[in-house]
PDB file of all heavy atoms in Angstrom:
ATOM      1  N   ILE A   1      95.942 107.365  99.848  1.00  0.00           N
ATOM      2  CA  ILE A   1      94.873 108.371 100.226  1.00  0.00           C
ATOM      3  C   ILE A   1      95.517 109.532 100.924  1.00  0.00           C
ATOM      4  O   ILE A   1      95.195 110.679 100.690  1.00  0.00           O
ATOM      5  CB  ILE A   1      93.787 107.708 101.132  1.00  0.00           C
ATOM      6  CG1 ILE A   1      93.143 106.538 100.354  1.00  0.00           C
ATOM      7  CG2 ILE A   1      92.758 108.752 101.550  1.00  0.00           C
ATOM      8  CD1 ILE A   1      92.184 105.692 101.301  1.00  0.00           C
ATOM      9  N   PHE A   2      96.441 109.226 101.821  1.00  0.00           N
ATOM     10  CA  PHE A   2      97.175 110.313 102.637  1.00  0.00           C
ATOM     11  C   PHE A   2      97.840 111.276 101.702  1.00  0.00           C
ATOM     12  O   PHE A   2      97.735 112.519 101.888  1.00  0.00           O
ATOM     13  CB  PHE A   2      98.133 109.598 103.545  1.00  0.00           C
ATOM     14  CG  PHE A   2      98.730 110.552 104.502  1.00  0.00           C
ATOM     15  CD1 PHE A   2      98.120 110.811 105.831  1.00  0.00           C
ATOM     16  CD2 PHE A   2      99.931 111.134 104.323  1.00  0.00           C
ATOM     17  CE1 PHE A   2      98.683 111.676 106.728  1.00  0.00           C
ATOM     18  CE2 PHE A   2     100.550 112.053 105.259  1.00  0.00           C
ATOM     19  CZ  PHE A   2      99.907 112.294 106.498  1.00  0.00           C
ATOM     20  N   LEU A   3      98.507 110.765 100.670  1.00  0.00           N
ATOM     21  CA  LEU A   3      99.275 111.606  99.757  1.00  0.00           C
ATOM     22  C   LEU A   3      98.317 112.451  98.899  1.00  0.00           C
ATOM     23  O   LEU A   3      98.612 113.672  98.601  1.00  0.00           O
ATOM     24  CB  LEU A   3     100.126 110.773  98.818  1.00  0.00           C
ATOM     25  CG  LEU A   3     101.265 110.051  99.456  1.00  0.00           C
ATOM     26  CD1 LEU A   3     102.072 109.211  98.440  1.00  0.00           C
ATOM     27  CD2 LEU A   3     102.244 111.006 100.152  1.00  0.00           C
ATOM     28  N   ARG A   4      97.185 111.870  98.526  1.00  0.00           N
ATOM     29  CA  ARG A   4      96.171 112.662  97.788  1.00  0.00           C
ATOM     30  C   ARG A   4      95.653 113.817  98.614  1.00  0.00           C
ATOM     31  O   ARG A   4      95.495 115.002  98.136  1.00  0.00           O
ATOM     32  CB  ARG A   4      95.030 111.797  97.375  1.00  0.00           C
ATOM     33  CG  ARG A   4      95.397 110.813  96.259  1.00  0.00           C
ATOM     34  CD  ARG A   4      94.349 109.697  96.160  1.00  0.00           C
ATOM     35  NE  ARG A   4      92.998 110.240  95.911  1.00  0.00           N
ATOM     36  CZ  ARG A   4      91.872 109.452  96.091  1.00  0.00           C
ATOM     37  NH1 ARG A   4      92.000 108.223  96.556  1.00  0.00           N
ATOM     38  NH2 ARG A   4      90.670 109.958  95.859  1.00  0.00           N
ATOM     39  N   LEU A   5      95.431 113.633  99.916  1.00  0.00           N
ATOM     40  CA  LEU A   5      94.959 114.743 100.795  1.00  0.00           C
ATOM     41  C   LEU A   5      96.073 115.768 101.067  1.00  0.00           C
ATOM     42  O   LEU A   5      95.781 116.976 101.241  1.00  0.00           O
ATOM     43  CB  LEU A   5      94.515 114.156 102.134  1.00  0.00           C
ATOM     44  CG  LEU A   5      93.148 113.415 102.047  1.00  0.00           C
ATOM     45  CD1 LEU A   5      92.830 112.700 103.347  1.00  0.00           C
ATOM     46  CD2 LEU A   5      92.040 114.418 101.635  1.00  0.00           C
ATOM     47  N   LEU A   6      97.328 115.334 101.099  1.00  0.00           N
ATOM     48  CA  LEU A   6      98.384 116.265 101.187  1.00  0.00           C
ATOM     49  C   LEU A   6      98.488 117.207  99.977  1.00  0.00           C
ATOM     50  O   LEU A   6      98.714 118.406 100.097  1.00  0.00           O
ATOM     51  CB  LEU A   6      99.750 115.634 101.393  1.00  0.00           C
ATOM     52  CG  LEU A   6     100.042 115.092 102.723  1.00  0.00           C
ATOM     53  CD1 LEU A   6     101.405 114.387 102.776  1.00  0.00           C
ATOM     54  CD2 LEU A   6     100.112 116.257 103.772  1.00  0.00           C
ATOM     55  N   GLU A   7      98.246 116.624  98.801  1.00  0.00           N
ATOM     56  CA  GLU A   7      98.253 117.447  97.564  1.00  0.00           C
ATOM     57  C   GLU A   7      97.061 118.358  97.485  1.00  0.00           C
ATOM     58  O   GLU A   7      97.207 119.523  96.987  1.00  0.00           O
ATOM     59  CB  GLU A   7      98.282 116.491  96.355  1.00  0.00           C
ATOM     60  CG  GLU A   7      99.572 115.729  96.202  1.00  0.00           C
ATOM     61  CD  GLU A   7      99.487 114.686  95.148  1.00  0.00           C
ATOM     62  OE1 GLU A   7      98.407 114.616  94.457  1.00  0.00           O
ATOM     63  OE2 GLU A   7     100.436 114.056  94.860  1.00  0.00           O
ATOM     64  N   ASP A   8      95.898 118.003  97.982  1.00  0.00           N
ATOM     65  CA  ASP A   8      94.683 118.761  98.036  1.00  0.00           C
ATOM     66  C   ASP A   8      93.775 118.436  99.136  1.00  0.00           C
ATOM     67  O   ASP A   8      93.083 117.501  99.002  1.00  0.00           O
ATOM     68  CB  ASP A   8      93.964 118.605  96.613  1.00  0.00           C
ATOM     69  CG  ASP A   8      92.741 119.577  96.521  1.00  0.00           C
ATOM     70  OD1 ASP A   8      92.537 120.369  97.549  1.00  0.00           O
ATOM     71  OD2 ASP A   8      92.079 119.550  95.525  1.00  0.00           O
ATOM     72  N   PRO A   9      93.908 119.082 100.232  1.00  0.00           N
ATOM     73  CA  PRO A   9      93.110 118.765 101.446  1.00  0.00           C
ATOM     74  C   PRO A   9      91.590 118.870 101.182  1.00  0.00           C
ATOM     75  O   PRO A   9      90.809 118.369 101.964  1.00  0.00           O
ATOM     76  CB  PRO A   9      93.541 119.820 102.517  1.00  0.00           C
ATOM     77  CG  PRO A   9      94.877 120.269 102.027  1.00  0.00           C
ATOM     78  CD  PRO A   9      94.898 120.218 100.542  1.00  0.00           C
ATOM     79  N   ARG A  10      91.180 119.562 100.099  1.00  0.00           N
ATOM     80  CA  ARG A  10      89.738 119.739  99.830  1.00  0.00           C
ATOM     81  C   ARG A  10      89.273 118.731  98.762  1.00  0.00           C
ATOM     82  O   ARG A  10      88.115 118.839  98.333  1.00  0.00           O
ATOM     83  CB  ARG A  10      89.502 121.145  99.331  1.00  0.00           C
ATOM     84  CG  ARG A  10      89.718 122.167 100.428  1.00  0.00           C
ATOM     85  CD  ARG A  10      89.690 123.591  99.812  1.00  0.00           C
ATOM     86  NE  ARG A  10      90.686 123.796  98.839  1.00  0.00           N
ATOM     87  CZ  ARG A  10      90.891 124.987  98.161  1.00  0.00           C
ATOM     88  NH1 ARG A  10      90.043 126.008  98.381  1.00  0.00           N
ATOM     89  NH2 ARG A  10      91.806 125.129  97.324  1.00  0.00           N
ATOM     90  N   ASP A  11      90.084 117.753  98.394  1.00  0.00           N
ATOM     91  CA  ASP A  11      89.749 116.767  97.416  1.00  0.00           C
ATOM     92  C   ASP A  11      88.582 115.888  97.941  1.00  0.00           C
ATOM     93  O   ASP A  11      88.786 115.063  98.897  1.00  0.00           O
ATOM     94  CB  ASP A  11      90.928 115.877  97.141  1.00  0.00           C
ATOM     95  CG  ASP A  11      90.691 114.809  95.996  1.00  0.00           C
ATOM     96  OD1 ASP A  11      89.487 114.479  95.758  1.00  0.00           O
ATOM     97  OD2 ASP A  11      91.696 114.309  95.398  1.00  0.00           O
ATOM     98  N   GLY A  12      87.412 116.099  97.408  1.00  0.00           N
ATOM     99  CA  GLY A  12      86.204 115.439  97.939  1.00  0.00           C
ATOM    100  C   GLY A  12      86.289 113.899  97.860  1.00  0.00           C
ATOM    101  O   GLY A  12      85.901 113.061  98.741  1.00  0.00           O
ATOM    102  N   GLY A  13      86.863 113.438  96.689  1.00  0.00           N
ATOM    103  CA  GLY A  13      87.040 111.969  96.499  1.00  0.00           C
ATOM    104  C   GLY A  13      87.947 111.355  97.528  1.00  0.00           C
ATOM    105  O   GLY A  13      87.647 110.328  98.069  1.00  0.00           O
ATOM    106  N   ALA A  14      89.061 112.034  97.794  1.00  0.00           N
ATOM    107  CA  ALA A  14      90.020 111.589  98.712  1.00  0.00           C
ATOM    108  C   ALA A  14      89.435 111.584 100.145  1.00  0.00           C
ATOM    109  O   ALA A  14      89.643 110.664 100.949  1.00  0.00           O
ATOM    110  CB  ALA A  14      91.299 112.382  98.753  1.00  0.00           C
ATOM    111  N   LEU A  15      88.630 112.591 100.486  1.00  0.00           N
ATOM    112  CA  LEU A  15      88.007 112.621 101.815  1.00  0.00           C
ATOM    113  C   LEU A  15      86.983 111.504 101.964  1.00  0.00           C
ATOM    114  O   LEU A  15      86.922 110.906 103.026  1.00  0.00           O
ATOM    115  CB  LEU A  15      87.357 114.044 102.007  1.00  0.00           C
ATOM    116  CG  LEU A  15      88.242 115.214 102.121  1.00  0.00           C
ATOM    117  CD1 LEU A  15      87.445 116.529 102.063  1.00  0.00           C
ATOM    118  CD2 LEU A  15      89.034 115.133 103.455  1.00  0.00           C
ATOM    119  N   ARG A  16      86.286 111.231 100.942  1.00  0.00           N
ATOM    120  CA  ARG A  16      85.233 110.115 101.034  1.00  0.00           C
ATOM    121  C   ARG A  16      86.006 108.767 101.124  1.00  0.00           C
ATOM    122  O   ARG A  16      85.575 107.911 101.892  1.00  0.00           O
ATOM    123  CB  ARG A  16      84.399 110.088  99.774  1.00  0.00           C
ATOM    124  CG  ARG A  16      83.350 111.253  99.743  1.00  0.00           C
ATOM    125  CD  ARG A  16      82.315 111.104  98.660  1.00  0.00           C
ATOM    126  NE  ARG A  16      82.956 111.189  97.318  1.00  0.00           N
ATOM    127  CZ  ARG A  16      83.125 112.308  96.662  1.00  0.00           C
ATOM    128  NH1 ARG A  16      82.704 113.491  97.206  1.00  0.00           N
ATOM    129  NH2 ARG A  16      83.661 112.301  95.489  1.00  0.00           N
ATOM    130  N   ASP A  17      87.152 108.699 100.340  1.00  0.00           N
ATOM    131  CA  ASP A  17      87.872 107.442 100.489  1.00  0.00           C
ATOM    132  C   ASP A  17      88.516 107.205 101.875  1.00  0.00           C
ATOM    133  O   ASP A  17      88.559 106.067 102.332  1.00  0.00           O
ATOM    134  CB  ASP A  17      89.014 107.446  99.414  1.00  0.00           C
ATOM    135  CG  ASP A  17      88.475 107.225  97.988  1.00  0.00           C
ATOM    136  OD1 ASP A  17      87.303 106.868  97.870  1.00  0.00           O
ATOM    137  OD2 ASP A  17      89.264 107.504  97.026  1.00  0.00           O
ATOM    138  N   LYS A  18      88.936 108.309 102.453  1.00  0.00           N
ATOM    139  CA  LYS A  18      89.473 108.211 103.797  1.00  0.00           C
ATOM    140  C   LYS A  18      88.371 107.796 104.866  1.00  0.00           C
ATOM    141  O   LYS A  18      88.630 106.825 105.593  1.00  0.00           O
ATOM    142  CB  LYS A  18      90.037 109.515 104.258  1.00  0.00           C
ATOM    143  CG  LYS A  18      90.506 109.545 105.725  1.00  0.00           C
ATOM    144  CD  LYS A  18      90.894 110.950 106.190  1.00  0.00           C
ATOM    145  CE  LYS A  18      91.234 110.920 107.655  1.00  0.00           C
ATOM    146  NZ  LYS A  18      91.569 112.250 108.226  1.00  0.00           N
ATOM    147  N   THR A  19      87.222 108.337 104.695  1.00  0.00           N
ATOM    148  CA  THR A  19      86.106 107.991 105.561  1.00  0.00           C
ATOM    149  C   THR A  19      85.723 106.478 105.448  1.00  0.00           C
ATOM    150  O   THR A  19      85.611 105.786 106.434  1.00  0.00           O
ATOM    151  CB  THR A  19      84.876 108.867 105.315  1.00  0.00           C
ATOM    152  OG1 THR A  19      85.219 110.243 105.507  1.00  0.00           O
ATOM    153  CG2 THR A  19      83.720 108.529 106.214  1.00  0.00           C
ATOM    154  N   ALA A  20      85.647 106.099 104.127  1.00  0.00           N
ATOM    155  CA  ALA A  20      85.252 104.698 103.918  1.00  0.00           C
ATOM    156  C   ALA A  20      86.353 103.739 104.356  1.00  0.00           C
ATOM    157  O   ALA A  20      86.080 102.678 104.949  1.00  0.00           O
ATOM    158  CB  ALA A  20      85.069 104.484 102.421  1.00  0.00           C
ATOM    159  N   PHE A  21      87.630 104.097 104.202  1.00  0.00           N
ATOM    160  CA  PHE A  21      88.780 103.277 104.634  1.00  0.00           C
ATOM    161  C   PHE A  21      88.766 103.080 106.102  1.00  0.00           C
ATOM    162  O   PHE A  21      88.890 101.953 106.595  1.00  0.00           O
ATOM    163  CB  PHE A  21      90.067 103.932 104.146  1.00  0.00           C
ATOM    164  CG  PHE A  21      91.313 103.137 104.525  1.00  0.00           C
ATOM    165  CD1 PHE A  21      91.705 102.073 103.782  1.00  0.00           C
ATOM    166  CD2 PHE A  21      92.085 103.540 105.619  1.00  0.00           C
ATOM    167  CE1 PHE A  21      92.825 101.299 104.131  1.00  0.00           C
ATOM    168  CE2 PHE A  21      93.244 102.843 105.956  1.00  0.00           C
ATOM    169  CZ  PHE A  21      93.624 101.698 105.234  1.00  0.00           C
ATOM    170  N   LEU A  22      88.603 104.195 106.831  1.00  0.00           N
ATOM    171  CA  LEU A  22      88.652 104.074 108.313  1.00  0.00           C
ATOM    172  C   LEU A  22      87.446 103.361 108.880  1.00  0.00           C
ATOM    173  O   LEU A  22      87.476 102.710 109.951  1.00  0.00           O
ATOM    174  CB  LEU A  22      88.682 105.453 108.923  1.00  0.00           C
ATOM    175  CG  LEU A  22      89.969 106.279 108.661  1.00  0.00           C
ATOM    176  CD1 LEU A  22      89.842 107.692 109.192  1.00  0.00           C
ATOM    177  CD2 LEU A  22      91.144 105.607 109.329  1.00  0.00           C
ATOM    178  N   ALA A  23      86.345 103.414 108.142  1.00  0.00           N
ATOM    179  CA  ALA A  23      85.101 102.680 108.610  1.00  0.00           C
ATOM    180  C   ALA A  23      85.103 101.189 108.510  1.00  0.00           C
ATOM    181  O   ALA A  23      84.350 100.519 108.997  1.00  0.00           O
ATOM    182  CB  ALA A  23      83.879 103.264 107.876  1.00  0.00           C
ATOM    183  N   ARG A  24      86.120 100.691 107.691  1.00  0.00           N
ATOM    184  CA  ARG A  24      86.217  99.262 107.418  1.00  0.00           C
ATOM    185  C   ARG A  24      86.626  98.503 108.659  1.00  0.00           C
ATOM    186  O   ARG A  24      86.371  97.298 108.782  1.00  0.00           O
ATOM    187  CB  ARG A  24      87.176  99.046 106.259  1.00  0.00           C
ATOM    188  CG  ARG A  24      86.529  99.171 104.915  1.00  0.00           C
ATOM    189  CD  ARG A  24      87.450  99.482 103.818  1.00  0.00           C
ATOM    190  NE  ARG A  24      88.641  98.575 103.755  1.00  0.00           N
ATOM    191  CZ  ARG A  24      89.608  98.792 102.945  1.00  0.00           C
ATOM    192  NH1 ARG A  24      89.605  99.734 102.007  1.00  0.00           N
ATOM    193  NH2 ARG A  24      90.628  97.905 102.951  1.00  0.00           N
ATOM    194  N   GLY A  25      87.344  99.122 109.625  1.00  0.00           N
ATOM    195  CA  GLY A  25      87.688  98.377 110.805  1.00  0.00           C
ATOM    196  C   GLY A  25      88.971  98.836 111.468  1.00  0.00           C
ATOM    197  O   GLY A  25      89.621  99.841 111.073  1.00  0.00           O
ATOM    198  N   LYS A  26      89.350  98.165 112.543  1.00  0.00           N
ATOM    199  CA  LYS A  26      90.447  98.505 113.357  1.00  0.00           C
ATOM    200  C   LYS A  26      91.811  98.412 112.593  1.00  0.00           C
ATOM    201  O   LYS A  26      92.693  99.257 112.768  1.00  0.00           O
ATOM    202  CB  LYS A  26      90.491  97.683 114.650  1.00  0.00           C
ATOM    203  CG  LYS A  26      91.580  98.093 115.688  1.00  0.00           C
ATOM    204  CD  LYS A  26      91.493  97.295 116.876  1.00  0.00           C
ATOM    205  CE  LYS A  26      92.535  97.780 117.988  1.00  0.00           C
ATOM    206  NZ  LYS A  26      92.488  96.915 119.165  1.00  0.00           N
ATOM    207  N   SER A  27      91.944  97.370 111.792  1.00  0.00           N
ATOM    208  CA  SER A  27      93.176  97.253 111.097  1.00  0.00           C
ATOM    209  C   SER A  27      93.479  98.389 110.141  1.00  0.00           C
ATOM    210  O   SER A  27      94.615  98.920 110.039  1.00  0.00           O
ATOM    211  CB  SER A  27      93.210  95.913 110.310  1.00  0.00           C
ATOM    212  OG  SER A  27      93.098  94.819 111.110  1.00  0.00           O
ATOM    213  N   GLU A  28      92.427  98.887 109.544  1.00  0.00           N
ATOM    214  CA  GLU A  28      92.573 100.078 108.618  1.00  0.00           C
ATOM    215  C   GLU A  28      92.923 101.322 109.410  1.00  0.00           C
ATOM    216  O   GLU A  28      93.697 102.129 108.986  1.00  0.00           O
ATOM    217  CB  GLU A  28      91.275 100.280 107.884  1.00  0.00           C
ATOM    218  CG  GLU A  28      91.093  99.324 106.748  1.00  0.00           C
ATOM    219  CD  GLU A  28      90.589  97.907 107.170  1.00  0.00           C
ATOM    220  OE1 GLU A  28      90.326  97.815 108.429  1.00  0.00           O
ATOM    221  OE2 GLU A  28      90.490  97.065 106.348  1.00  0.00           O
ATOM    222  N   GLN A  29      92.315 101.440 110.658  1.00  0.00           N
ATOM    223  CA  GLN A  29      92.609 102.657 111.498  1.00  0.00           C
ATOM    224  C   GLN A  29      94.123 102.585 111.956  1.00  0.00           C
ATOM    225  O   GLN A  29      94.730 103.612 111.979  1.00  0.00           O
ATOM    226  CB  GLN A  29      91.663 102.618 112.656  1.00  0.00           C
ATOM    227  CG  GLN A  29      90.210 102.868 112.311  1.00  0.00           C
ATOM    228  CD  GLN A  29      89.220 102.563 113.364  1.00  0.00           C
ATOM    229  OE1 GLN A  29      89.601 102.383 114.556  1.00  0.00           O
ATOM    230  NE2 GLN A  29      87.959 102.430 113.069  1.00  0.00           N
ATOM    231  N   ILE A  30      94.600 101.377 112.267  1.00  0.00           N
ATOM    232  CA  ILE A  30      95.988 101.212 112.699  1.00  0.00           C
ATOM    233  C   ILE A  30      96.941 101.631 111.558  1.00  0.00           C
ATOM    234  O   ILE A  30      97.906 102.355 111.715  1.00  0.00           O
ATOM    235  CB  ILE A  30      96.283  99.765 113.139  1.00  0.00           C
ATOM    236  CG1 ILE A  30      95.547  99.539 114.493  1.00  0.00           C
ATOM    237  CG2 ILE A  30      97.798  99.586 113.320  1.00  0.00           C
ATOM    238  CD1 ILE A  30      95.579  98.104 114.957  1.00  0.00           C
ATOM    239  N   ALA A  31      96.572 101.212 110.325  1.00  0.00           N
ATOM    240  CA  ALA A  31      97.395 101.521 109.153  1.00  0.00           C
ATOM    241  C   ALA A  31      97.400 102.990 108.890  1.00  0.00           C
ATOM    242  O   ALA A  31      98.465 103.579 108.675  1.00  0.00           O
ATOM    243  CB  ALA A  31      96.881 100.777 107.960  1.00  0.00           C
ATOM    244  N   TRP A  32      96.274 103.690 109.037  1.00  0.00           N
ATOM    245  CA  TRP A  32      96.223 105.088 108.856  1.00  0.00           C
ATOM    246  C   TRP A  32      97.024 105.825 109.882  1.00  0.00           C
ATOM    247  O   TRP A  32      97.828 106.800 109.502  1.00  0.00           O
ATOM    248  CB  TRP A  32      94.727 105.579 108.850  1.00  0.00           C
ATOM    249  CG  TRP A  32      94.661 107.025 108.639  1.00  0.00           C
ATOM    250  CD1 TRP A  32      94.677 108.061 109.521  1.00  0.00           C
ATOM    251  CD2 TRP A  32      94.600 107.718 107.322  1.00  0.00           C
ATOM    252  NE1 TRP A  32      94.584 109.322 108.845  1.00  0.00           N
ATOM    253  CE2 TRP A  32      94.460 109.098 107.593  1.00  0.00           C
ATOM    254  CE3 TRP A  32      94.484 107.178 105.993  1.00  0.00           C
ATOM    255  CZ2 TRP A  32      94.397 110.014 106.515  1.00  0.00           C
ATOM    256  CZ3 TRP A  32      94.397 108.094 105.026  1.00  0.00           C
ATOM    257  CH2 TRP A  32      94.355 109.496 105.216  1.00  0.00           C
ATOM    258  N   ASN A  33      96.927 105.433 111.112  1.00  0.00           N
ATOM    259  CA  ASN A  33      97.709 106.063 112.215  1.00  0.00           C
ATOM    260  C   ASN A  33      99.209 105.868 111.968  1.00  0.00           C
ATOM    261  O   ASN A  33     100.013 106.809 112.242  1.00  0.00           O
ATOM    262  CB  ASN A  33      97.262 105.463 113.539  1.00  0.00           C
ATOM    263  CG  ASN A  33      95.913 105.932 113.942  1.00  0.00           C
ATOM    264  OD1 ASN A  33      95.415 106.976 113.498  1.00  0.00           O
ATOM    265  ND2 ASN A  33      95.237 105.205 114.821  1.00  0.00           N
ATOM    266  N   ARG A  34      99.594 104.734 111.400  1.00  0.00           N
ATOM    267  CA  ARG A  34     101.012 104.539 111.165  1.00  0.00           C
ATOM    268  C   ARG A  34     101.576 105.441 110.114  1.00  0.00           C
ATOM    269  O   ARG A  34     102.578 106.021 110.206  1.00  0.00           O
ATOM    270  CB  ARG A  34     101.232 103.046 110.774  1.00  0.00           C
ATOM    271  CG  ARG A  34     102.739 102.660 110.582  1.00  0.00           C
ATOM    272  CD  ARG A  34     102.904 101.230 110.147  1.00  0.00           C
ATOM    273  NE  ARG A  34     104.331 100.925 109.947  1.00  0.00           N
ATOM    274  CZ  ARG A  34     104.726  99.801 109.428  1.00  0.00           C
ATOM    275  NH1 ARG A  34     103.920  98.820 109.258  1.00  0.00           N
ATOM    276  NH2 ARG A  34     106.052  99.642 109.331  1.00  0.00           N
ATOM    277  N   VAL A  35     100.797 105.620 109.056  1.00  0.00           N
ATOM    278  CA  VAL A  35     101.192 106.549 107.990  1.00  0.00           C
ATOM    279  C   VAL A  35     101.294 107.979 108.514  1.00  0.00           C
ATOM    280  O   VAL A  35     102.292 108.710 108.285  1.00  0.00           O
ATOM    281  CB  VAL A  35     100.198 106.516 106.812  1.00  0.00           C
ATOM    282  CG1 VAL A  35     100.422 107.622 105.851  1.00  0.00           C
ATOM    283  CG2 VAL A  35     100.193 105.203 106.167  1.00  0.00           C
ATOM    284  N   SER A  36     100.299 108.333 109.372  1.00  0.00           N
ATOM    285  CA  SER A  36     100.252 109.652 109.959  1.00  0.00           C
ATOM    286  C   SER A  36     101.511 109.899 110.840  1.00  0.00           C
ATOM    287  O   SER A  36     102.156 110.984 110.834  1.00  0.00           O
ATOM    288  CB  SER A  36      99.005 109.938 110.707  1.00  0.00           C
ATOM    289  OG  SER A  36      99.002 111.213 111.250  1.00  0.00           O
ATOM    290  N   ARG A  37     101.858 108.907 111.684  1.00  0.00           N
ATOM    291  CA  ARG A  37     102.959 108.994 112.614  1.00  0.00           C
ATOM    292  C   ARG A  37     104.306 109.115 111.865  1.00  0.00           C
ATOM    293  O   ARG A  37     105.146 109.872 112.211  1.00  0.00           O
ATOM    294  CB  ARG A  37     102.962 107.802 113.578  1.00  0.00           C
ATOM    295  CG  ARG A  37     101.913 107.833 114.686  1.00  0.00           C
ATOM    296  CD  ARG A  37     102.275 106.854 115.804  1.00  0.00           C
ATOM    297  NE  ARG A  37     102.525 105.536 115.286  1.00  0.00           N
ATOM    298  CZ  ARG A  37     101.543 104.638 115.194  1.00  0.00           C
ATOM    299  NH1 ARG A  37     100.336 104.900 115.555  1.00  0.00           N
ATOM    300  NH2 ARG A  37     101.843 103.436 114.756  1.00  0.00           N
ATOM    301  N   VAL A  38     104.470 108.356 110.833  1.00  0.00           N
ATOM    302  CA  VAL A  38     105.721 108.392 110.050  1.00  0.00           C
ATOM    303  C   VAL A  38     105.864 109.808 109.488  1.00  0.00           C
ATOM    304  O   VAL A  38     106.986 110.362 109.511  1.00  0.00           O
ATOM    305  CB  VAL A  38     105.677 107.273 108.908  1.00  0.00           C
ATOM    306  CG1 VAL A  38     106.889 107.526 107.985  1.00  0.00           C
ATOM    307  CG2 VAL A  38     105.794 105.902 109.505  1.00  0.00           C
ATOM    308  N   TRP A  39     104.852 110.346 108.855  1.00  0.00           N
ATOM    309  CA  TRP A  39     104.904 111.656 108.309  1.00  0.00           C
ATOM    310  C   TRP A  39     105.241 112.715 109.396  1.00  0.00           C
ATOM    311  O   TRP A  39     106.155 113.544 109.148  1.00  0.00           O
ATOM    312  CB  TRP A  39     103.629 111.978 107.585  1.00  0.00           C
ATOM    313  CG  TRP A  39     103.431 113.484 107.317  1.00  0.00           C
ATOM    314  CD1 TRP A  39     102.567 114.346 107.867  1.00  0.00           C
ATOM    315  CD2 TRP A  39     104.172 114.196 106.379  1.00  0.00           C
ATOM    316  NE1 TRP A  39     102.729 115.526 107.354  1.00  0.00           N
ATOM    317  CE2 TRP A  39     103.661 115.593 106.434  1.00  0.00           C
ATOM    318  CE3 TRP A  39     105.251 114.002 105.508  1.00  0.00           C
ATOM    319  CZ2 TRP A  39     104.181 116.551 105.614  1.00  0.00           C
ATOM    320  CZ3 TRP A  39     105.763 115.030 104.681  1.00  0.00           C
ATOM    321  CH2 TRP A  39     105.263 116.225 104.809  1.00  0.00           C
ATOM    322  N   ASN A  40     104.550 112.680 110.473  1.00  0.00           N
ATOM    323  CA  ASN A  40     104.814 113.681 111.508  1.00  0.00           C
ATOM    324  C   ASN A  40     106.147 113.570 112.125  1.00  0.00           C
ATOM    325  O   ASN A  40     106.817 114.576 112.379  1.00  0.00           O
ATOM    326  CB  ASN A  40     103.703 113.539 112.647  1.00  0.00           C
ATOM    327  CG  ASN A  40     102.356 113.938 112.136  1.00  0.00           C
ATOM    328  OD1 ASN A  40     102.241 114.621 111.162  1.00  0.00           O
ATOM    329  ND2 ASN A  40     101.296 113.424 112.809  1.00  0.00           N
ATOM    330  N   ALA A  41     106.639 112.308 112.350  1.00  0.00           N
ATOM    331  CA  ALA A  41     107.887 112.188 112.994  1.00  0.00           C
ATOM    332  C   ALA A  41     109.024 112.611 112.012  1.00  0.00           C
ATOM    333  O   ALA A  41     110.064 113.205 112.514  1.00  0.00           O
ATOM    334  CB  ALA A  41     108.172 110.657 113.375  1.00  0.00           C
TER     335      ALA A  41
END
């Protein structure tokens, strides 16, 4: 999902998938934060 948003930040499907993924729970939020930290670092 992260790569899809990098390619097109306005991708409606990717934005919806991100929202649904993060809403599933804490484990999903930790995974998303890990991807974001690796990219930023």
